[in-house]
């Protein structure tokens, strides 16, 4: 598993304790946007990675 640099050593150790192989190299991944819709009551939740251009919108 390759993790981004801000992931703390504590979290890395917790993941290793759960059986994940943690690669000592780090990398930066792409940006993410997502929308979650709930039906009852109807509502939308959105999130956008602040490190990249983009945003979320629902109607």
PDB file of N, CA and C in Angstrom:
ATOM      1  N   UNK A   1       0.847  -1.155   0.000  1.00  0.00           N
ATOM      2  CA  UNK A   1       0.000   0.000   0.000  1.00  0.00           C
ATOM      3  C   UNK A   1       0.900   1.227   0.000  1.00  0.00           C
ATOM      4  N   UNK A   2       0.668   2.122  -0.937  1.00  0.00           N
ATOM      5  CA  UNK A   2       1.396   3.386  -0.997  1.00  0.00           C
ATOM      6  C   UNK A   2       0.470   4.467  -0.462  1.00  0.00           C
ATOM      7  N   UNK A   3       0.965   5.262   0.467  1.00  0.00           N
ATOM      8  CA  UNK A   3       0.159   6.296   1.098  1.00  0.00           C
ATOM      9  C   UNK A   3       0.707   7.672   0.773  1.00  0.00           C
ATOM     10  N   UNK A   4      -0.153   8.677   0.867  1.00  0.00           N
ATOM     11  CA  UNK A   4       0.289  10.056   0.662  1.00  0.00           C
ATOM     12  C   UNK A   4       1.093  10.530   1.871  1.00  0.00           C
ATOM     13  N   UNK A   5       1.992  11.509   1.672  1.00  0.00           N
ATOM     14  CA  UNK A   5       2.880  11.965   2.743  1.00  0.00           C
ATOM     15  C   UNK A   5       2.186  12.415   4.041  1.00  0.00           C
ATOM     16  N   UNK A   6       1.009  13.044   4.010  1.00  0.00           N
ATOM     17  CA  UNK A   6       0.434  13.510   5.283  1.00  0.00           C
ATOM     18  C   UNK A   6      -0.076  12.401   6.213  1.00  0.00           C
ATOM     19  N   UNK A   7      -0.128  11.152   5.742  1.00  0.00           N
ATOM     20  CA  UNK A   7      -0.623  10.066   6.587  1.00  0.00           C
ATOM     21  C   UNK A   7       0.377   9.841   7.728  1.00  0.00           C
ATOM     22  N   UNK A   8      -0.131   9.902   8.945  1.00  0.00           N
ATOM     23  CA  UNK A   8       0.760   9.836  10.120  1.00  0.00           C
ATOM     24  C   UNK A   8       1.336   8.431  10.313  1.00  0.00           C
ATOM     25  N   UNK A   9       2.438   8.373  11.040  1.00  0.00           N
ATOM     26  CA  UNK A   9       3.055   7.082  11.371  1.00  0.00           C
ATOM     27  C   UNK A   9       2.111   6.226  12.215  1.00  0.00           C
ATOM     28  N   UNK A  10       1.292   6.868  13.046  1.00  0.00           N
ATOM     29  CA  UNK A  10       0.323   6.128  13.867  1.00  0.00           C
ATOM     30  C   UNK A  10      -0.673   5.389  12.986  1.00  0.00           C
ATOM     31  N   UNK A  11      -1.204   6.081  11.976  1.00  0.00           N
ATOM     32  CA  UNK A  11      -2.170   5.451  11.063  1.00  0.00           C
ATOM     33  C   UNK A  11      -1.488   4.358  10.255  1.00  0.00           C
ATOM     34  N   UNK A  12      -0.271   4.618   9.804  1.00  0.00           N
ATOM     35  CA  UNK A  12       0.474   3.593   9.064  1.00  0.00           C
ATOM     36  C   UNK A  12       0.641   2.334   9.905  1.00  0.00           C
ATOM     37  N   UNK A  13       0.966   2.505  11.177  1.00  0.00           N
ATOM     38  CA  UNK A  13       1.139   1.356  12.060  1.00  0.00           C
ATOM     39  C   UNK A  13      -0.185   0.629  12.280  1.00  0.00           C
ATOM     40  N   UNK A  14      -1.263   1.374  12.444  1.00  0.00           N
ATOM     41  CA  UNK A  14      -2.573   0.750  12.616  1.00  0.00           C
ATOM     42  C   UNK A  14      -2.944  -0.079  11.391  1.00  0.00           C
ATOM     43  N   UNK A  15      -2.671   0.437  10.194  1.00  0.00           N
ATOM     44  CA  UNK A  15      -2.946  -0.315   8.968  1.00  0.00           C
ATOM     45  C   UNK A  15      -2.076  -1.571   8.896  1.00  0.00           C
ATOM     46  N   UNK A  16      -0.799  -1.438   9.265  1.00  0.00           N
ATOM     47  CA  UNK A  16       0.101  -2.597   9.270  1.00  0.00           C
ATOM     48  C   UNK A  16      -0.379  -3.644  10.266  1.00  0.00           C
ATOM     49  N   UNK A  17      -0.866  -3.197  11.422  1.00  0.00           N
ATOM     50  CA  UNK A  17      -1.375  -4.129  12.432  1.00  0.00           C
ATOM     51  C   UNK A  17      -2.608  -4.886  11.942  1.00  0.00           C
ATOM     52  N   UNK A  18      -3.333  -4.300  10.990  1.00  0.00           N
ATOM     53  CA  UNK A  18      -4.507  -4.968  10.412  1.00  0.00           C
ATOM     54  C   UNK A  18      -4.125  -5.894   9.260  1.00  0.00           C
ATOM     55  N   UNK A  19      -2.822  -5.949   8.950  1.00  0.00           N
ATOM     56  CA  UNK A  19      -2.364  -6.876   7.926  1.00  0.00           C
ATOM     57  C   UNK A  19      -2.007  -6.246   6.589  1.00  0.00           C
ATOM     58  N   UNK A  20      -2.088  -4.934   6.472  1.00  0.00           N
ATOM     59  CA  UNK A  20      -1.731  -4.265   5.215  1.00  0.00           C
ATOM     60  C   UNK A  20      -0.214  -4.147   5.105  1.00  0.00           C
ATOM     61  N   UNK A  21       0.308  -4.356   3.904  1.00  0.00           N
ATOM     62  CA  UNK A  21       1.735  -4.144   3.645  1.00  0.00           C
ATOM     63  C   UNK A  21       1.915  -2.678   3.271  1.00  0.00           C
ATOM     64  N   UNK A  22       2.667  -1.951   4.065  1.00  0.00           N
ATOM     65  CA  UNK A  22       2.867  -0.523   3.847  1.00  0.00           C
ATOM     66  C   UNK A  22       4.196  -0.304   3.135  1.00  0.00           C
ATOM     67  N   UNK A  23       4.121   0.251   1.933  1.00  0.00           N
ATOM     68  CA  UNK A  23       5.310   0.584   1.159  1.00  0.00           C
ATOM     69  C   UNK A  23       5.923   1.850   1.751  1.00  0.00           C
ATOM     70  N   UNK A  24       7.233   1.867   1.936  1.00  0.00           N
ATOM     71  CA  UNK A  24       7.889   3.030   2.539  1.00  0.00           C
ATOM     72  C   UNK A  24       7.905   4.236   1.607  1.00  0.00           C
ATOM     73  N   UNK A  25       7.725   4.021   0.305  1.00  0.00           N
ATOM     74  CA  UNK A  25       7.639   5.136  -0.642  1.00  0.00           C
ATOM     75  C   UNK A  25       6.292   5.830  -0.464  1.00  0.00           C
ATOM     76  N   UNK A  26       6.231   7.090  -0.837  1.00  0.00           N
ATOM     77  CA  UNK A  26       4.977   7.830  -0.793  1.00  0.00           C
ATOM     78  C   UNK A  26       4.674   8.359  -2.181  1.00  0.00           C
ATOM     79  N   UNK A  27       3.446   8.765  -2.395  1.00  0.00           N
ATOM     80  CA  UNK A  27       3.035   9.299  -3.680  1.00  0.00           C
ATOM     81  C   UNK A  27       1.850  10.225  -3.431  1.00  0.00           C
ATOM     82  N   UNK A  28       1.540  11.067  -4.401  1.00  0.00           N
ATOM     83  CA  UNK A  28       0.368  11.931  -4.335  1.00  0.00           C
ATOM     84  C   UNK A  28      -0.594  11.456  -5.411  1.00  0.00           C
ATOM     85  N   UNK A  29      -1.851  11.355  -5.051  1.00  0.00           N
ATOM     86  CA  UNK A  29      -2.853  10.816  -5.956  1.00  0.00           C
ATOM     87  C   UNK A  29      -3.733  11.934  -6.497  1.00  0.00           C
ATOM     88  N   UNK A  30      -4.611  11.601  -7.416  1.00  0.00           N
ATOM     89  CA  UNK A  30      -5.499  12.574  -8.051  1.00  0.00           C
ATOM     90  C   UNK A  30      -6.536  13.135  -7.094  1.00  0.00           C
ATOM     91  N   UNK A  31      -7.255  14.143  -7.585  1.00  0.00           N
ATOM     92  CA  UNK A  31      -8.317  14.761  -6.792  1.00  0.00           C
ATOM     93  C   UNK A  31      -9.617  13.980  -6.924  1.00  0.00           C
ATOM     94  N   UNK A  32     -10.489  14.189  -5.977  1.00  0.00           N
ATOM     95  CA  UNK A  32     -11.741  13.443  -5.938  1.00  0.00           C
ATOM     96  C   UNK A  32     -12.909  14.375  -5.654  1.00  0.00           C
ATOM     97  N   UNK A  33     -14.036  14.116  -6.284  1.00  0.00           N
ATOM     98  CA  UNK A  33     -15.292  14.767  -5.982  1.00  0.00           C
ATOM     99  C   UNK A  33     -16.358  13.686  -5.899  1.00  0.00           C
ATOM    100  N   UNK A  34     -17.333  13.906  -5.051  1.00  0.00           N
ATOM    101  CA  UNK A  34     -18.389  12.913  -4.939  1.00  0.00           C
ATOM    102  C   UNK A  34     -19.661  13.510  -4.375  1.00  0.00           C
ATOM    103  N   UNK A  35     -20.799  12.909  -4.733  1.00  0.00           N
ATOM    104  CA  UNK A  35     -22.111  13.308  -4.226  1.00  0.00           C
ATOM    105  C   UNK A  35     -22.825  12.074  -3.721  1.00  0.00           C
ATOM    106  N   UNK A  36     -23.433  12.188  -2.554  1.00  0.00           N
ATOM    107  CA  UNK A  36     -24.249  11.121  -1.965  1.00  0.00           C
ATOM    108  C   UNK A  36     -25.670  11.632  -1.874  1.00  0.00           C
ATOM    109  N   UNK A  37     -26.631  10.859  -2.364  1.00  0.00           N
ATOM    110  CA  UNK A  37     -28.035  11.257  -2.309  1.00  0.00           C
ATOM    111  C   UNK A  37     -28.801  10.319  -1.403  1.00  0.00           C
ATOM    112  N   UNK A  38     -29.578  10.901  -0.504  1.00  0.00           N
ATOM    113  CA  UNK A  38     -30.489  10.122   0.340  1.00  0.00           C
ATOM    114  C   UNK A  38     -31.915  10.441  -0.076  1.00  0.00           C
ATOM    115  N   UNK A  39     -32.774   9.437  -0.001  1.00  0.00           N
ATOM    116  CA  UNK A  39     -34.133   9.586  -0.510  1.00  0.00           C
ATOM    117  C   UNK A  39     -35.147  10.101   0.505  1.00  0.00           C
ATOM    118  N   UNK A  40     -35.038   9.684   1.773  1.00  0.00           N
ATOM    119  CA  UNK A  40     -36.100  10.033   2.702  1.00  0.00           C
ATOM    120  C   UNK A  40     -35.506  10.530   4.018  1.00  0.00           C
ATOM    121  N   UNK A  41     -35.463  11.811   4.261  1.00  0.00           N
ATOM    122  CA  UNK A  41     -35.892  12.887   3.366  1.00  0.00           C
ATOM    123  C   UNK A  41     -34.856  13.092   2.255  1.00  0.00           C
ATOM    124  N   UNK A  42     -35.321  13.591   1.111  1.00  0.00           N
ATOM    125  CA  UNK A  42     -34.408  13.784  -0.008  1.00  0.00           C
ATOM    126  C   UNK A  42     -33.413  14.891   0.326  1.00  0.00           C
ATOM    127  N   UNK A  43     -32.134  14.536   0.239  1.00  0.00           N
ATOM    128  CA  UNK A  43     -31.056  15.494   0.473  1.00  0.00           C
ATOM    129  C   UNK A  43     -29.796  15.000  -0.199  1.00  0.00           C
ATOM    130  N   UNK A  44     -28.908  15.916  -0.459  1.00  0.00           N
ATOM    131  CA  UNK A  44     -27.643  15.622  -1.130  1.00  0.00           C
ATOM    132  C   UNK A  44     -26.483  16.088  -0.257  1.00  0.00           C
ATOM    133  N   UNK A  45     -25.409  15.323  -0.273  1.00  0.00           N
ATOM    134  CA  UNK A  45     -24.177  15.683   0.416  1.00  0.00           C
ATOM    135  C   UNK A  45     -23.061  15.664  -0.623  1.00  0.00           C
ATOM    136  N   UNK A  46     -22.224  16.669  -0.629  1.00  0.00           N
ATOM    137  CA  UNK A  46     -21.139  16.711  -1.599  1.00  0.00           C
ATOM    138  C   UNK A  46     -19.813  16.990  -0.929  1.00  0.00           C
ATOM    139  N   UNK A  47     -18.766  16.521  -1.554  1.00  0.00           N
ATOM    140  CA  UNK A  47     -17.429  16.779  -1.054  1.00  0.00           C
ATOM    141  C   UNK A  47     -16.453  16.896  -2.211  1.00  0.00           C
ATOM    142  N   UNK A  48     -15.439  17.719  -2.030  1.00  0.00           N
ATOM    143  CA  UNK A  48     -14.446  17.925  -3.073  1.00  0.00           C
ATOM    144  C   UNK A  48     -13.062  18.021  -2.441  1.00  0.00           C
ATOM    145  N   UNK A  49     -12.106  17.374  -3.057  1.00  0.00           N
ATOM    146  CA  UNK A  49     -10.725  17.416  -2.585  1.00  0.00           C
ATOM    147  C   UNK A  49     -10.216  18.854  -2.701  1.00  0.00           C
ATOM    148  N   UNK A  50      -9.851  19.496  -1.594  1.00  0.00           N
ATOM    149  CA  UNK A  50      -9.431  20.899  -1.659  1.00  0.00           C
ATOM    150  C   UNK A  50      -8.075  21.112  -2.339  1.00  0.00           C
ATOM    151  N   UNK A  51      -7.345  20.045  -2.619  1.00  0.00           N
ATOM    152  CA  UNK A  51      -6.029  20.209  -3.233  1.00  0.00           C
ATOM    153  C   UNK A  51      -6.111  20.364  -4.747  1.00  0.00           C
ATOM    154  N   UNK A  52      -7.278  20.170  -5.320  1.00  0.00           N
ATOM    155  CA  UNK A  52      -7.433  20.193  -6.775  1.00  0.00           C
ATOM    156  C   UNK A  52      -8.560  21.140  -7.164  1.00  0.00           C
ATOM    157  N   UNK A  53      -8.594  21.506  -8.455  1.00  0.00           N
ATOM    158  CA  UNK A  53      -9.729  22.266  -8.972  1.00  0.00           C
ATOM    159  C   UNK A  53     -10.947  21.350  -8.996  1.00  0.00           C
ATOM    160  N   UNK A  54     -12.104  21.923  -8.807  1.00  0.00           N
ATOM    161  CA  UNK A  54     -13.320  21.139  -8.909  1.00  0.00           C
ATOM    162  C   UNK A  54     -14.262  21.462  -7.770  1.00  0.00           C
ATOM    163  N   UNK A  55     -15.418  20.898  -7.845  1.00  0.00           N
ATOM    164  CA  UNK A  55     -16.428  21.114  -6.811  1.00  0.00           C
ATOM    165  C   UNK A  55     -17.545  20.112  -7.004  1.00  0.00           C
ATOM    166  N   UNK A  56     -18.492  20.131  -6.092  1.00  0.00           N
ATOM    167  CA  UNK A  56     -19.650  19.248  -6.209  1.00  0.00           C
ATOM    168  C   UNK A  56     -20.911  20.090  -6.218  1.00  0.00           C
ATOM    169  N   UNK A  57     -21.930  19.587  -6.887  1.00  0.00           N
ATOM    170  CA  UNK A  57     -23.199  20.284  -6.954  1.00  0.00           C
ATOM    171  C   UNK A  57     -24.303  19.237  -7.146  1.00  0.00           C
ATOM    172  N   UNK A  58     -25.365  19.359  -6.413  1.00  0.00           N
ATOM    173  CA  UNK A  58     -26.506  18.471  -6.583  1.00  0.00           C
ATOM    174  C   UNK A  58     -27.779  19.265  -6.550  1.00  0.00           C
ATOM    175  N   UNK A  59     -28.796  18.748  -7.229  1.00  0.00           N
ATOM    176  CA  UNK A  59     -30.104  19.427  -7.193  1.00  0.00           C
ATOM    177  C   UNK A  59     -31.237  18.435  -7.206  1.00  0.00           C
TER     178      UNK A  59
END
